[in-house]
Amino acid sequence: KEALIFAFMGILRLNNEINVLSSATGSS
């Protein structure tokens, strides 16, 4: 599951879509 999601994050990045949630990481 984790590997699948990291591949999915790559697809989101290629499409310039959000792939990191501030509510989870505490980013701005």
mmCIF file of all heavy atoms, coordinates in Angstrom:
data_MODEL
# 
_entry.id   MODEL 
# 
loop_
_atom_site.group_PDB 
_atom_site.id 
_atom_site.type_symbol 
_atom_site.label_atom_id 
_atom_site.label_alt_id 
_atom_site.label_comp_id 
_atom_site.label_asym_id 
_atom_site.label_entity_id 
_atom_site.label_seq_id 
_atom_site.pdbx_PDB_ins_code 
_atom_site.Cartn_x 
_atom_site.Cartn_y 
_atom_site.Cartn_z 
_atom_site.occupancy 
_atom_site.B_iso_or_equiv 
_atom_site.pdbx_formal_charge 
_atom_site.auth_seq_id 
_atom_site.auth_comp_id 
_atom_site.auth_asym_id 
_atom_site.auth_atom_id 
_atom_site.pdbx_PDB_model_num 
ATOM 1   N N   . LYS A 1 1  ? 0.830  -1.213 0.000   1.00 0.00 ? 1  LYS A N   1 
ATOM 2   C CA  . LYS A 1 1  ? 0.000  0.000  0.000   1.00 0.00 ? 1  LYS A CA  1 
ATOM 3   C C   . LYS A 1 1  ? 0.863  1.260  0.000   1.00 0.00 ? 1  LYS A C   1 
ATOM 4   O O   . LYS A 1 1  ? 0.595  2.205  -0.733  1.00 0.00 ? 1  LYS A O   1 
ATOM 5   C CB  . LYS A 1 1  ? -0.940 0.000  1.203   1.00 0.00 ? 1  LYS A CB  1 
ATOM 6   C CG  . LYS A 1 1  ? -1.710 1.304  1.397   1.00 0.00 ? 1  LYS A CG  1 
ATOM 7   C CD  . LYS A 1 1  ? -2.716 1.160  2.523   1.00 0.00 ? 1  LYS A CD  1 
ATOM 8   C CE  . LYS A 1 1  ? -3.329 2.484  2.914   1.00 0.00 ? 1  LYS A CE  1 
ATOM 9   N NZ  . LYS A 1 1  ? -2.464 3.245  3.834   1.00 0.00 ? 1  LYS A NZ  1 
ATOM 10  N N   . GLU A 1 2  ? 1.897  1.274  0.821   1.00 0.00 ? 2  GLU A N   1 
ATOM 11  C CA  . GLU A 1 2  ? 2.736  2.470  0.905   1.00 0.00 ? 2  GLU A CA  1 
ATOM 12  C C   . GLU A 1 2  ? 3.457  2.725  -0.410  1.00 0.00 ? 2  GLU A C   1 
ATOM 13  O O   . GLU A 1 2  ? 3.538  3.872  -0.875  1.00 0.00 ? 2  GLU A O   1 
ATOM 14  C CB  . GLU A 1 2  ? 3.740  2.338  2.051   1.00 0.00 ? 2  GLU A CB  1 
ATOM 15  C CG  . GLU A 1 2  ? 4.523  3.605  2.305   1.00 0.00 ? 2  GLU A CG  1 
ATOM 16  C CD  . GLU A 1 2  ? 5.276  3.572  3.636   1.00 0.00 ? 2  GLU A CD  1 
ATOM 17  O OE1 . GLU A 1 2  ? 4.624  3.706  4.684   1.00 0.00 ? 2  GLU A OE1 1 
ATOM 18  O OE2 . GLU A 1 2  ? 6.501  3.408  3.602   1.00 0.00 ? 2  GLU A OE2 1 
ATOM 19  N N   . ALA A 1 3  ? 3.981  1.674  -1.022  1.00 0.00 ? 3  ALA A N   1 
ATOM 20  C CA  . ALA A 1 3  ? 4.663  1.832  -2.313  1.00 0.00 ? 3  ALA A CA  1 
ATOM 21  C C   . ALA A 1 3  ? 3.692  2.329  -3.385  1.00 0.00 ? 3  ALA A C   1 
ATOM 22  O O   . ALA A 1 3  ? 4.027  3.197  -4.202  1.00 0.00 ? 3  ALA A O   1 
ATOM 23  C CB  . ALA A 1 3  ? 5.284  0.498  -2.741  1.00 0.00 ? 3  ALA A CB  1 
ATOM 24  N N   . LEU A 1 4  ? 2.486  1.784  -3.370  1.00 0.00 ? 4  LEU A N   1 
ATOM 25  C CA  . LEU A 1 4  ? 1.445  2.208  -4.312  1.00 0.00 ? 4  LEU A CA  1 
ATOM 26  C C   . LEU A 1 4  ? 1.164  3.704  -4.154  1.00 0.00 ? 4  LEU A C   1 
ATOM 27  O O   . LEU A 1 4  ? 1.067  4.441  -5.149  1.00 0.00 ? 4  LEU A O   1 
ATOM 28  C CB  . LEU A 1 4  ? 0.179  1.385  -4.049  1.00 0.00 ? 4  LEU A CB  1 
ATOM 29  C CG  . LEU A 1 4  ? -1.073 1.606  -4.896  1.00 0.00 ? 4  LEU A CG  1 
ATOM 30  C CD1 . LEU A 1 4  ? -1.873 0.317  -4.947  1.00 0.00 ? 4  LEU A CD1 1 
ATOM 31  C CD2 . LEU A 1 4  ? -1.947 2.713  -4.315  1.00 0.00 ? 4  LEU A CD2 1 
ATOM 32  N N   . ILE A 1 5  ? 1.064  4.169  -2.899  1.00 0.00 ? 5  ILE A N   1 
ATOM 33  C CA  . ILE A 1 5  ? 0.746  5.582  -2.666  1.00 0.00 ? 5  ILE A CA  1 
ATOM 34  C C   . ILE A 1 5  ? 1.903  6.478  -3.088  1.00 0.00 ? 5  ILE A C   1 
ATOM 35  O O   . ILE A 1 5  ? 1.685  7.566  -3.631  1.00 0.00 ? 5  ILE A O   1 
ATOM 36  C CB  . ILE A 1 5  ? 0.354  5.810  -1.194  1.00 0.00 ? 5  ILE A CB  1 
ATOM 37  C CG1 . ILE A 1 5  ? -1.025 5.178  -0.932  1.00 0.00 ? 5  ILE A CG1 1 
ATOM 38  C CG2 . ILE A 1 5  ? 0.334  7.299  -0.846  1.00 0.00 ? 5  ILE A CG2 1 
ATOM 39  C CD1 . ILE A 1 5  ? -1.496 5.231  0.504   1.00 0.00 ? 5  ILE A CD1 1 
ATOM 40  N N   . PHE A 1 6  ? 3.144  6.042  -2.902  1.00 0.00 ? 6  PHE A N   1 
ATOM 41  C CA  . PHE A 1 6  ? 4.270  6.871  -3.343  1.00 0.00 ? 6  PHE A CA  1 
ATOM 42  C C   . PHE A 1 6  ? 4.298  6.984  -4.877  1.00 0.00 ? 6  PHE A C   1 
ATOM 43  O O   . PHE A 1 6  ? 4.625  8.050  -5.419  1.00 0.00 ? 6  PHE A O   1 
ATOM 44  C CB  . PHE A 1 6  ? 5.597  6.331  -2.805  1.00 0.00 ? 6  PHE A CB  1 
ATOM 45  C CG  . PHE A 1 6  ? 5.946  6.912  -1.471  1.00 0.00 ? 6  PHE A CG  1 
ATOM 46  C CD1 . PHE A 1 6  ? 5.477  6.339  -0.302  1.00 0.00 ? 6  PHE A CD1 1 
ATOM 47  C CD2 . PHE A 1 6  ? 6.707  8.067  -1.373  1.00 0.00 ? 6  PHE A CD2 1 
ATOM 48  C CE1 . PHE A 1 6  ? 5.763  6.889  0.936   1.00 0.00 ? 6  PHE A CE1 1 
ATOM 49  C CE2 . PHE A 1 6  ? 7.001  8.629  -0.139  1.00 0.00 ? 6  PHE A CE2 1 
ATOM 50  C CZ  . PHE A 1 6  ? 6.534  8.040  1.022   1.00 0.00 ? 6  PHE A CZ  1 
ATOM 51  N N   . ALA A 1 7  ? 3.937  5.906  -5.573  1.00 0.00 ? 7  ALA A N   1 
ATOM 52  C CA  . ALA A 1 7  ? 3.815  5.991  -7.027  1.00 0.00 ? 7  ALA A CA  1 
ATOM 53  C C   . ALA A 1 7  ? 2.695  6.957  -7.411  1.00 0.00 ? 7  ALA A C   1 
ATOM 54  O O   . ALA A 1 7  ? 2.835  7.770  -8.336  1.00 0.00 ? 7  ALA A O   1 
ATOM 55  C CB  . ALA A 1 7  ? 3.547  4.606  -7.612  1.00 0.00 ? 7  ALA A CB  1 
ATOM 56  N N   . PHE A 1 8  ? 1.594  6.896  -6.679  1.00 0.00 ? 8  PHE A N   1 
ATOM 57  C CA  . PHE A 1 8  ? 0.466  7.807  -6.905  1.00 0.00 ? 8  PHE A CA  1 
ATOM 58  C C   . PHE A 1 8  ? 0.882  9.258  -6.669  1.00 0.00 ? 8  PHE A C   1 
ATOM 59  O O   . PHE A 1 8  ? 0.507  10.171 -7.416  1.00 0.00 ? 8  PHE A O   1 
ATOM 60  C CB  . PHE A 1 8  ? -0.680 7.402  -5.980  1.00 0.00 ? 8  PHE A CB  1 
ATOM 61  C CG  . PHE A 1 8  ? -1.898 8.261  -6.062  1.00 0.00 ? 8  PHE A CG  1 
ATOM 62  C CD1 . PHE A 1 8  ? -2.579 8.432  -7.256  1.00 0.00 ? 8  PHE A CD1 1 
ATOM 63  C CD2 . PHE A 1 8  ? -2.374 8.904  -4.932  1.00 0.00 ? 8  PHE A CD2 1 
ATOM 64  C CE1 . PHE A 1 8  ? -3.715 9.223  -7.331  1.00 0.00 ? 8  PHE A CE1 1 
ATOM 65  C CE2 . PHE A 1 8  ? -3.515 9.692  -4.983  1.00 0.00 ? 8  PHE A CE2 1 
ATOM 66  C CZ  . PHE A 1 8  ? -4.182 9.858  -6.189  1.00 0.00 ? 8  PHE A CZ  1 
ATOM 67  N N   . MET A 1 9  ? 1.697  9.487  -5.627  1.00 0.00 ? 9  MET A N   1 
ATOM 68  C CA  . MET A 1 9  ? 2.214  10.836 -5.370  1.00 0.00 ? 9  MET A CA  1 
ATOM 69  C C   . MET A 1 9  ? 3.040  11.349 -6.551  1.00 0.00 ? 9  MET A C   1 
ATOM 70  O O   . MET A 1 9  ? 3.010  12.538 -6.875  1.00 0.00 ? 9  MET A O   1 
ATOM 71  C CB  . MET A 1 9  ? 3.080  10.841 -4.111  1.00 0.00 ? 9  MET A CB  1 
ATOM 72  C CG  . MET A 1 9  ? 2.300  10.713 -2.817  1.00 0.00 ? 9  MET A CG  1 
ATOM 73  S SD  . MET A 1 9  ? 3.412  10.669 -1.382  1.00 0.00 ? 9  MET A SD  1 
ATOM 74  C CE  . MET A 1 9  ? 4.129  12.318 -1.487  1.00 0.00 ? 9  MET A CE  1 
ATOM 75  N N   . GLY A 1 10 ? 3.779  10.418 -7.176  1.00 0.00 ? 10 GLY A N   1 
ATOM 76  C CA  . GLY A 1 10 ? 4.561  10.803 -8.355  1.00 0.00 ? 10 GLY A CA  1 
ATOM 77  C C   . GLY A 1 10 ? 3.666  11.256 -9.498  1.00 0.00 ? 10 GLY A C   1 
ATOM 78  O O   . GLY A 1 10 ? 3.962  12.245 -10.184 1.00 0.00 ? 10 GLY A O   1 
ATOM 79  N N   . ILE A 1 11 ? 2.562  10.544 -9.698  1.00 0.00 ? 11 ILE A N   1 
ATOM 80  C CA  . ILE A 1 11 ? 1.603  10.923 -10.746 1.00 0.00 ? 11 ILE A CA  1 
ATOM 81  C C   . ILE A 1 11 ? 1.009  12.300 -10.446 1.00 0.00 ? 11 ILE A C   1 
ATOM 82  O O   . ILE A 1 11 ? 0.902  13.160 -11.326 1.00 0.00 ? 11 ILE A O   1 
ATOM 83  C CB  . ILE A 1 11 ? 0.493  9.862  -10.870 1.00 0.00 ? 11 ILE A CB  1 
ATOM 84  C CG1 . ILE A 1 11 ? 1.070  8.553  -11.403 1.00 0.00 ? 11 ILE A CG1 1 
ATOM 85  C CG2 . ILE A 1 11 ? -0.635 10.353 -11.784 1.00 0.00 ? 11 ILE A CG2 1 
ATOM 86  C CD1 . ILE A 1 11 ? 0.105  7.385  -11.340 1.00 0.00 ? 11 ILE A CD1 1 
ATOM 87  N N   . LEU A 1 12 ? 0.637  12.522 -9.196  1.00 0.00 ? 12 LEU A N   1 
ATOM 88  C CA  . LEU A 1 12 ? 0.098  13.826 -8.806  1.00 0.00 ? 12 LEU A CA  1 
ATOM 89  C C   . LEU A 1 12 ? 1.115  14.929 -9.059  1.00 0.00 ? 12 LEU A C   1 
ATOM 90  O O   . LEU A 1 12 ? 0.771  16.019 -9.547  1.00 0.00 ? 12 LEU A O   1 
ATOM 91  C CB  . LEU A 1 12 ? -0.306 13.809 -7.322  1.00 0.00 ? 12 LEU A CB  1 
ATOM 92  C CG  . LEU A 1 12 ? -1.482 12.910 -6.942  1.00 0.00 ? 12 LEU A CG  1 
ATOM 93  C CD1 . LEU A 1 12 ? -1.649 12.853 -5.422  1.00 0.00 ? 12 LEU A CD1 1 
ATOM 94  C CD2 . LEU A 1 12 ? -2.782 13.388 -7.588  1.00 0.00 ? 12 LEU A CD2 1 
ATOM 95  N N   . ARG A 1 13 ? 2.382  14.665 -8.770  1.00 0.00 ? 13 ARG A N   1 
ATOM 96  C CA  . ARG A 1 13 ? 3.443  15.670 -8.985  1.00 0.00 ? 13 ARG A CA  1 
ATOM 97  C C   . ARG A 1 13 ? 3.597  15.962 -10.476 1.00 0.00 ? 13 ARG A C   1 
ATOM 98  O O   . ARG A 1 13 ? 3.737  17.128 -10.872 1.00 0.00 ? 13 ARG A O   1 
ATOM 99  C CB  . ARG A 1 13 ? 4.762  15.161 -8.394  1.00 0.00 ? 13 ARG A CB  1 
ATOM 100 C CG  . ARG A 1 13 ? 5.944  16.113 -8.626  1.00 0.00 ? 13 ARG A CG  1 
ATOM 101 C CD  . ARG A 1 13 ? 5.766  17.394 -7.826  1.00 0.00 ? 13 ARG A CD  1 
ATOM 102 N NE  . ARG A 1 13 ? 6.802  18.364 -8.144  1.00 0.00 ? 13 ARG A NE  1 
ATOM 103 C CZ  . ARG A 1 13 ? 6.688  19.318 -9.064  1.00 0.00 ? 13 ARG A CZ  1 
ATOM 104 N NH1 . ARG A 1 13 ? 5.571  19.427 -9.776  1.00 0.00 ? 13 ARG A NH1 1 
ATOM 105 N NH2 . ARG A 1 13 ? 7.674  20.170 -9.273  1.00 0.00 ? 13 ARG A NH2 1 
ATOM 106 N N   . LEU A 1 14 ? 3.573  14.924 -11.297 1.00 0.00 ? 14 LEU A N   1 
ATOM 107 C CA  . LEU A 1 14 ? 3.690  15.136 -12.750 1.00 0.00 ? 14 LEU A CA  1 
ATOM 108 C C   . LEU A 1 14 ? 2.561  16.009 -13.274 1.00 0.00 ? 14 LEU A C   1 
ATOM 109 O O   . LEU A 1 14 ? 2.739  16.785 -14.210 1.00 0.00 ? 14 LEU A O   1 
ATOM 110 C CB  . LEU A 1 14 ? 3.686  13.783 -13.479 1.00 0.00 ? 14 LEU A CB  1 
ATOM 111 C CG  . LEU A 1 14 ? 4.971  12.946 -13.370 1.00 0.00 ? 14 LEU A CG  1 
ATOM 112 C CD1 . LEU A 1 14 ? 4.738  11.556 -13.925 1.00 0.00 ? 14 LEU A CD1 1 
ATOM 113 C CD2 . LEU A 1 14 ? 6.123  13.626 -14.102 1.00 0.00 ? 14 LEU A CD2 1 
ATOM 114 N N   . ASN A 1 15 ? 1.387  15.891 -12.654 1.00 0.00 ? 15 ASN A N   1 
ATOM 115 C CA  . ASN A 1 15 ? 0.227  16.695 -13.046 1.00 0.00 ? 15 ASN A CA  1 
ATOM 116 C C   . ASN A 1 15 ? 0.147  18.014 -12.282 1.00 0.00 ? 15 ASN A C   1 
ATOM 117 O O   . ASN A 1 15 ? -0.825 18.768 -12.431 1.00 0.00 ? 15 ASN A O   1 
ATOM 118 C CB  . ASN A 1 15 ? -1.060 15.898 -12.819 1.00 0.00 ? 15 ASN A CB  1 
ATOM 119 C CG  . ASN A 1 15 ? -1.172 14.707 -13.748 1.00 0.00 ? 15 ASN A CG  1 
ATOM 120 O OD1 . ASN A 1 15 ? -0.600 14.696 -14.827 1.00 0.00 ? 15 ASN A OD1 1 
ATOM 121 N ND2 . ASN A 1 15 ? -1.899 13.685 -13.312 1.00 0.00 ? 15 ASN A ND2 1 
ATOM 122 N N   . ASN A 1 16 ? 1.170  18.286 -11.454 1.00 0.00 ? 16 ASN A N   1 
ATOM 123 C CA  . ASN A 1 16 ? 1.221  19.509 -10.644 1.00 0.00 ? 16 ASN A CA  1 
ATOM 124 C C   . ASN A 1 16 ? 0.006  19.642 -9.730  1.00 0.00 ? 16 ASN A C   1 
ATOM 125 O O   . ASN A 1 16 ? -0.499 20.744 -9.495  1.00 0.00 ? 16 ASN A O   1 
ATOM 126 C CB  . ASN A 1 16 ? 1.372  20.759 -11.510 1.00 0.00 ? 16 ASN A CB  1 
ATOM 127 C CG  . ASN A 1 16 ? 2.016  21.907 -10.755 1.00 0.00 ? 16 ASN A CG  1 
ATOM 128 O OD1 . ASN A 1 16 ? 2.841  21.683 -9.866  1.00 0.00 ? 16 ASN A OD1 1 
ATOM 129 N ND2 . ASN A 1 16 ? 1.647  23.132 -11.092 1.00 0.00 ? 16 ASN A ND2 1 
ATOM 130 N N   . GLU A 1 17 ? -0.466 18.486 -9.214  1.00 0.00 ? 17 GLU A N   1 
ATOM 131 C CA  . GLU A 1 17 ? -1.587 18.476 -8.277  1.00 0.00 ? 17 GLU A CA  1 
ATOM 132 C C   . GLU A 1 17 ? -1.059 18.280 -6.861  1.00 0.00 ? 17 GLU A C   1 
ATOM 133 O O   . GLU A 1 17 ? 0.045  17.770 -6.656  1.00 0.00 ? 17 GLU A O   1 
ATOM 134 C CB  . GLU A 1 17 ? -2.562 17.349 -8.634  1.00 0.00 ? 17 GLU A CB  1 
ATOM 135 C CG  . GLU A 1 17 ? -3.209 17.508 -10.008 1.00 0.00 ? 17 GLU A CG  1 
ATOM 136 C CD  . GLU A 1 17 ? -4.132 16.343 -10.339 1.00 0.00 ? 17 GLU A CD  1 
ATOM 137 O OE1 . GLU A 1 17 ? -4.914 15.936 -9.450  1.00 0.00 ? 17 GLU A OE1 1 
ATOM 138 O OE2 . GLU A 1 17 ? -4.053 15.831 -11.473 1.00 0.00 ? 17 GLU A OE2 1 
ATOM 139 N N   . ILE A 1 18 ? -1.849 18.665 -5.882  1.00 0.00 ? 18 ILE A N   1 
ATOM 140 C CA  . ILE A 1 18 ? -1.442 18.532 -4.476  1.00 0.00 ? 18 ILE A CA  1 
ATOM 141 C C   . ILE A 1 18 ? -1.119 17.074 -4.145  1.00 0.00 ? 18 ILE A C   1 
ATOM 142 O O   . ILE A 1 18 ? -1.914 16.182 -4.425  1.00 0.00 ? 18 ILE A O   1 
ATOM 143 C CB  . ILE A 1 18 ? -2.550 19.062 -3.548  1.00 0.00 ? 18 ILE A CB  1 
ATOM 144 C CG1 . ILE A 1 18 ? -2.629 20.588 -3.650  1.00 0.00 ? 18 ILE A CG1 1 
ATOM 145 C CG2 . ILE A 1 18 ? -2.319 18.632 -2.100  1.00 0.00 ? 18 ILE A CG2 1 
ATOM 146 C CD1 . ILE A 1 18 ? -3.854 21.177 -2.991  1.00 0.00 ? 18 ILE A CD1 1 
ATOM 147 N N   . ASN A 1 19 ? 0.046  16.847 -3.558  1.00 0.00 ? 19 ASN A N   1 
ATOM 148 C CA  . ASN A 1 19 ? 0.399  15.494 -3.128  1.00 0.00 ? 19 ASN A CA  1 
ATOM 149 C C   . ASN A 1 19 ? 0.909  15.439 -1.686  1.00 0.00 ? 19 ASN A C   1 
ATOM 150 O O   . ASN A 1 19 ? 1.296  14.378 -1.201  1.00 0.00 ? 19 ASN A O   1 
ATOM 151 C CB  . ASN A 1 19 ? 1.407  14.840 -4.084  1.00 0.00 ? 19 ASN A CB  1 
ATOM 152 C CG  . ASN A 1 19 ? 2.772  15.512 -4.069  1.00 0.00 ? 19 ASN A CG  1 
ATOM 153 O OD1 . ASN A 1 19 ? 3.004  16.476 -3.340  1.00 0.00 ? 19 ASN A OD1 1 
ATOM 154 N ND2 . ASN A 1 19 ? 3.681  14.994 -4.885  1.00 0.00 ? 19 ASN A ND2 1 
ATOM 155 N N   . VAL A 1 20 ? 0.899  16.574 -0.986  1.00 0.00 ? 20 VAL A N   1 
ATOM 156 C CA  . VAL A 1 20 ? 1.254  16.613 0.432   1.00 0.00 ? 20 VAL A CA  1 
ATOM 157 C C   . VAL A 1 20 ? 0.206  17.444 1.171   1.00 0.00 ? 20 VAL A C   1 
ATOM 158 O O   . VAL A 1 20 ? -0.109 18.562 0.759   1.00 0.00 ? 20 VAL A O   1 
ATOM 159 C CB  . VAL A 1 20 ? 2.657  17.216 0.653   1.00 0.00 ? 20 VAL A CB  1 
ATOM 160 C CG1 . VAL A 1 20 ? 2.961  17.320 2.157   1.00 0.00 ? 20 VAL A CG1 1 
ATOM 161 C CG2 . VAL A 1 20 ? 3.722  16.367 -0.020  1.00 0.00 ? 20 VAL A CG2 1 
ATOM 162 N N   . LEU A 1 21 ? -0.327 16.892 2.242   1.00 0.00 ? 21 LEU A N   1 
ATOM 163 C CA  . LEU A 1 21 ? -1.374 17.564 3.014   1.00 0.00 ? 21 LEU A CA  1 
ATOM 164 C C   . LEU A 1 21 ? -0.774 18.250 4.240   1.00 0.00 ? 21 LEU A C   1 
ATOM 165 O O   . LEU A 1 21 ? -0.138 17.592 5.069   1.00 0.00 ? 21 LEU A O   1 
ATOM 166 C CB  . LEU A 1 21 ? -2.433 16.553 3.458   1.00 0.00 ? 21 LEU A CB  1 
ATOM 167 C CG  . LEU A 1 21 ? -3.212 15.862 2.336   1.00 0.00 ? 21 LEU A CG  1 
ATOM 168 C CD1 . LEU A 1 21 ? -4.117 14.780 2.918   1.00 0.00 ? 21 LEU A CD1 1 
ATOM 169 C CD2 . LEU A 1 21 ? -4.040 16.883 1.555   1.00 0.00 ? 21 LEU A CD2 1 
ATOM 170 N N   . SER A 1 22 ? -1.000 19.550 4.350   1.00 0.00 ? 22 SER A N   1 
ATOM 171 C CA  . SER A 1 22 ? -0.471 20.300 5.494   1.00 0.00 ? 22 SER A CA  1 
ATOM 172 C C   . SER A 1 22 ? -1.064 19.820 6.813   1.00 0.00 ? 22 SER A C   1 
ATOM 173 O O   . SER A 1 22 ? -0.413 19.883 7.856   1.00 0.00 ? 22 SER A O   1 
ATOM 174 C CB  . SER A 1 22 ? -0.754 21.793 5.309   1.00 0.00 ? 22 SER A CB  1 
ATOM 175 O OG  . SER A 1 22 ? -2.148 22.032 5.214   1.00 0.00 ? 22 SER A OG  1 
ATOM 176 N N   . SER A 1 23 ? -2.307 19.291 6.760   1.00 0.00 ? 23 SER A N   1 
ATOM 177 C CA  . SER A 1 23 ? -2.938 18.807 7.986   1.00 0.00 ? 23 SER A CA  1 
ATOM 178 C C   . SER A 1 23 ? -2.214 17.596 8.551   1.00 0.00 ? 23 SER A C   1 
ATOM 179 O O   . SER A 1 23 ? -2.305 17.305 9.744   1.00 0.00 ? 23 SER A O   1 
ATOM 180 C CB  . SER A 1 23 ? -4.409 18.456 7.719   1.00 0.00 ? 23 SER A CB  1 
ATOM 181 O OG  . SER A 1 23 ? -4.512 17.437 6.734   1.00 0.00 ? 23 SER A OG  1 
ATOM 182 N N   . ALA A 1 24 ? -1.468 16.867 7.696   1.00 0.00 ? 24 ALA A N   1 
ATOM 183 C CA  . ALA A 1 24 ? -0.716 15.693 8.146   1.00 0.00 ? 24 ALA A CA  1 
ATOM 184 C C   . ALA A 1 24 ? 0.724  16.033 8.532   1.00 0.00 ? 24 ALA A C   1 
ATOM 185 O O   . ALA A 1 24 ? 1.256  15.506 9.505   1.00 0.00 ? 24 ALA A O   1 
ATOM 186 C CB  . ALA A 1 24 ? -0.716 14.618 7.059   1.00 0.00 ? 24 ALA A CB  1 
ATOM 187 N N   . THR A 1 25 ? 1.350  16.947 7.768   1.00 0.00 ? 25 THR A N   1 
ATOM 188 C CA  . THR A 1 25 ? 2.774  17.231 7.998   1.00 0.00 ? 25 THR A CA  1 
ATOM 189 C C   . THR A 1 25 ? 3.027  18.472 8.832   1.00 0.00 ? 25 THR A C   1 
ATOM 190 O O   . THR A 1 25 ? 4.128  18.672 9.332   1.00 0.00 ? 25 THR A O   1 
ATOM 191 C CB  . THR A 1 25 ? 3.526  17.416 6.665   1.00 0.00 ? 25 THR A CB  1 
ATOM 192 O OG1 . THR A 1 25 ? 3.067  18.622 6.035   1.00 0.00 ? 25 THR A OG1 1 
ATOM 193 C CG2 . THR A 1 25 ? 3.310  16.236 5.736   1.00 0.00 ? 25 THR A CG2 1 
ATOM 194 N N   . GLY A 1 26 ? 2.015  19.343 8.952   1.00 0.00 ? 26 GLY A N   1 
ATOM 195 C CA  . GLY A 1 26 ? 2.208  20.589 9.685   1.00 0.00 ? 26 GLY A CA  1 
ATOM 196 C C   . GLY A 1 26 ? 2.823  21.696 8.859   1.00 0.00 ? 26 GLY A C   1 
ATOM 197 O O   . GLY A 1 26 ? 3.197  22.749 9.394   1.00 0.00 ? 26 GLY A O   1 
ATOM 198 N N   . SER A 1 27 ? 2.934  21.515 7.525   1.00 0.00 ? 27 SER A N   1 
ATOM 199 C CA  . SER A 1 27 ? 3.460  22.574 6.656   1.00 0.00 ? 27 SER A CA  1 
ATOM 200 C C   . SER A 1 27 ? 2.462  23.725 6.560   1.00 0.00 ? 27 SER A C   1 
ATOM 201 O O   . SER A 1 27 ? 1.301  23.595 6.955   1.00 0.00 ? 27 SER A O   1 
ATOM 202 C CB  . SER A 1 27 ? 3.760  22.013 5.264   1.00 0.00 ? 27 SER A CB  1 
ATOM 203 O OG  . SER A 1 27 ? 2.601  21.484 4.668   1.00 0.00 ? 27 SER A OG  1 
ATOM 204 N N   . SER A 1 28 ? 2.919  24.841 6.025   1.00 0.00 ? 28 SER A N   1 
ATOM 205 C CA  . SER A 1 28 ? 2.080  26.045 6.002   1.00 0.00 ? 28 SER A CA  1 
ATOM 206 C C   . SER A 1 28 ? 0.874  25.905 5.095   1.00 0.00 ? 28 SER A C   1 
ATOM 207 O O   . SER A 1 28 ? -0.153 26.550 5.301   1.00 0.00 ? 28 SER A O   1 
ATOM 208 C CB  . SER A 1 28 ? 2.922  27.260 5.594   1.00 0.00 ? 28 SER A CB  1 
ATOM 209 O OG  . SER A 1 28 ? 3.527  27.035 4.327   1.00 0.00 ? 28 SER A OG  1 
# 
